[in-house]
C-alpha atoms as a PDB file:
ATOM      1  CA  MET A   1       0.000   0.000   0.000  1.00  0.00           C
ATOM      2  CA  LEU A   2       2.860   2.343   0.824  1.00  0.00           C
ATOM      3  CA  ASP A   3       4.493   1.571  -2.536  1.00  0.00           C
ATOM      4  CA  LEU A   4       1.297   2.543  -4.334  1.00  0.00           C
ATOM      5  CA  LEU A   5       1.144   5.816  -2.416  1.00  0.00           C
ATOM      6  CA  VAL A   6       4.774   6.646  -3.242  1.00  0.00           C
ATOM      7  CA  TRP A   7       4.148   5.753  -6.888  1.00  0.00           C
ATOM      8  CA  LEU A   8       1.072   7.998  -7.018  1.00  0.00           C
ATOM      9  CA  ILE A   9       3.031  10.887  -5.503  1.00  0.00           C
ATOM     10  CA  LYS A  10       5.914  10.449  -7.977  1.00  0.00           C
ATOM     11  CA  LEU A  11       3.719  10.004 -11.059  1.00  0.00           C
ATOM     12  CA  PRO A  12       2.978  13.698 -11.822  1.00  0.00           C
ATOM     13  CA  PHE A  13       6.653  14.611 -11.528  1.00  0.00           C
ATOM     14  CA  VAL A  14       7.721  11.749 -13.792  1.00  0.00           C
ATOM     15  CA  LEU A  15       5.091  12.736 -16.357  1.00  0.00           C
ATOM     16  CA  LEU A  16       6.181  16.372 -16.138  1.00  0.00           C
ATOM     17  CA  GLY A  17       9.781  15.307 -16.753  1.00  0.00           C
ATOM     18  CA  TRP A  18       8.759  13.301 -19.819  1.00  0.00           C
ATOM     19  CA  ILE A  19       6.715  16.191 -21.197  1.00  0.00           C
ATOM     20  CA  LEU A  20       9.611  18.596 -20.620  1.00  0.00           C
ATOM     21  CA  LYS A  21      12.066  16.237 -22.316  1.00  0.00           C
ATOM     22  CA  ILE A  22       9.782  15.746 -25.334  1.00  0.00           C
ATOM     23  CA  THR A  23       9.252  19.516 -25.602  1.00  0.00           C
ATOM     24  CA  ILE A  24      12.977  20.272 -25.550  1.00  0.00           C
ATOM     25  CA  ILE A  25      13.736  17.577 -28.133  1.00  0.00           C
ATOM     26  CA  SER A  26      10.946  18.891 -30.379  1.00  0.00           C
ATOM     27  CA  ILE A  27      12.220  22.466 -30.173  1.00  0.00           C
ATOM     28  CA  VAL A  28      15.781  21.376 -30.942  1.00  0.00           C
ATOM     29  CA  TRP A  29      14.617  19.422 -34.004  1.00  0.00           C
ATOM     30  CA  LEU A  30      12.433  22.291 -35.218  1.00  0.00           C
ATOM     31  CA  VAL A  31      15.481  24.563 -35.131  1.00  0.00           C
ATOM     32  CA  LYS A  32      17.850  21.957 -36.589  1.00  0.00           C
ATOM     33  CA  LEU A  33      15.637  20.536 -39.363  1.00  0.00           C
ATOM     34  CA  PRO A  34      15.897  23.423 -41.891  1.00  0.00           C
ATOM     35  CA  PHE A  35      19.691  23.337 -41.682  1.00  0.00           C
ATOM     36  CA  VAL A  36      19.762  19.563 -42.174  1.00  0.00           C
ATOM     37  CA  LEU A  37      17.461  19.815 -45.192  1.00  0.00           C
ATOM     38  CA  LEU A  38      19.558  22.651 -46.620  1.00  0.00           C
ATOM     39  CA  ALA A  39      22.725  20.585 -46.196  1.00  0.00           C
ATOM     40  CA  VAL A  40      21.123  17.572 -47.913  1.00  0.00           C
ATOM     41  CA  VAL A  41      19.975  19.690 -50.863  1.00  0.00           C
ATOM     42  CA  LEU A  42      23.372  21.379 -51.088  1.00  0.00           C
ATOM     43  CA  ALA A  43      25.197  18.033 -51.046  1.00  0.00           C
ATOM     44  CA  VAL A  44      22.951  16.633 -53.791  1.00  0.00           C
ATOM     45  CA  VAL A  45      23.273  19.730 -55.984  1.00  0.00           C
ATOM     46  CA  LEU A  46      27.045  19.924 -55.550  1.00  0.00           C
ATOM     47  CA  GLY A  47      27.372  16.210 -56.242  1.00  0.00           C
ATOM     48  CA  LEU A  48      25.343  16.365 -59.441  1.00  0.00           C
ATOM     49  CA  LEU A  49      27.060  19.531 -60.628  1.00  0.00           C
ATOM     50  CA  GLY A  50      30.497  18.125 -59.806  1.00  0.00           C
ATOM     51  CA  GLY A  51      29.703  14.875 -61.612  1.00  0.00           C
ATOM     52  CA  ILE A  52      28.489  16.668 -64.725  1.00  0.00           C
ATOM     53  CA  ILE A  53      31.456  19.054 -64.792  1.00  0.00           C
ATOM     54  CA  SER A  54      33.868  16.149 -64.268  1.00  0.00           C
ATOM     55  CA  VAL A  55      32.354  14.208 -67.174  1.00  0.00           C
ATOM     56  CA  VAL A  56      32.535  17.312 -69.388  1.00  0.00           C
ATOM     57  CA  GLY A  57      36.145  17.839 -68.306  1.00  0.00           C
ATOM     58  CA  VAL A  58      37.082  14.251 -69.175  1.00  0.00           C
ATOM     59  CA  ALA A  59      35.294  14.530 -72.526  1.00  0.00           C
ATOM     60  CA  LEU A  60      37.050  17.794 -73.405  1.00  0.00           C
ATOM     61  CA  THR A  61      40.555  16.726 -72.386  1.00  0.00           C
ATOM     62  CA  PRO A  62      41.511  15.606 -75.928  1.00  0.00           C
ATOM     63  CA  VAL A  63      40.245  18.934 -77.307  1.00  0.00           C
ATOM     64  CA  LEU A  64      43.068  21.419 -76.733  1.00  0.00           C
ATOM     65  CA  GLY A  65      43.511  20.165 -73.178  1.00  0.00           C
ATOM     66  CA  ILE A  66      40.723  22.435 -71.945  1.00  0.00           C
ATOM     67  CA  GLY A  67      39.313  19.550 -69.944  1.00  0.00           C
ATOM     68  CA  LEU A  68      42.346  19.692 -67.667  1.00  0.00           C
ATOM     69  CA  VAL A  69      41.168  23.137 -66.591  1.00  0.00           C
ATOM     70  CA  ILE A  70      37.543  22.044 -66.096  1.00  0.00           C
ATOM     71  CA  LEU A  71      38.187  18.679 -64.423  1.00  0.00           C
ATOM     72  CA  PRO A  72      39.592  20.018 -61.110  1.00  0.00           C
ATOM     73  CA  ILE A  73      36.522  22.238 -60.687  1.00  0.00           C
ATOM     74  CA  GLY A  74      34.250  19.205 -60.927  1.00  0.00           C
ATOM     75  CA  LEU A  75      36.426  17.242 -58.539  1.00  0.00           C
ATOM     76  CA  ILE A  76      36.396  20.090 -56.003  1.00  0.00           C
ATOM     77  CA  LEU A  77      32.589  20.209 -56.175  1.00  0.00           C
ATOM     78  CA  LEU A  78      32.422  16.442 -55.685  1.00  0.00           C
ATOM     79  CA  LEU A  79      34.762  16.724 -52.704  1.00  0.00           C
ATOM     80  CA  ALA A  80      32.603  19.479 -51.187  1.00  0.00           C
ATOM     81  CA  ALA A  81      29.469  17.332 -51.626  1.00  0.00           C
ATOM     82  CA  TRP A  82      31.230  14.360 -50.032  1.00  0.00           C
ATOM     83  CA  LEU A  83      32.356  16.466 -47.047  1.00  0.00           C
ATOM     84  CA  ILE A  84      28.846  17.838 -46.495  1.00  0.00           C
ATOM     85  CA  ALA A  85      27.401  14.325 -46.673  1.00  0.00           C
ATOM     86  CA  LYS A  86      30.010  13.088 -44.168  1.00  0.00           C
ATOM     87  CA  LEU A  87      29.153  15.893 -41.746  1.00  0.00           C
ATOM     88  CA  LEU A  88      25.500  14.879 -41.790  1.00  0.00           C
END
């Protein structure tokens, strides 16, 4: 009987702690979510752009060696996309 009484006294405080924890986690995720989505979009865009520029650079290498100028740009974009994806 005493255990039940102690449990009933503790219950509101335990529930309040759970509600507070859920509220804090929700607020943190609401603040963090736009930045995570922005990083995902940025990584995808940089990856696609870097891949396309790298392919164009490889294709244009036999033509006056201009691809050797373009290729590092594509590789840098791919590296940036990879770093952003790793940070997520």
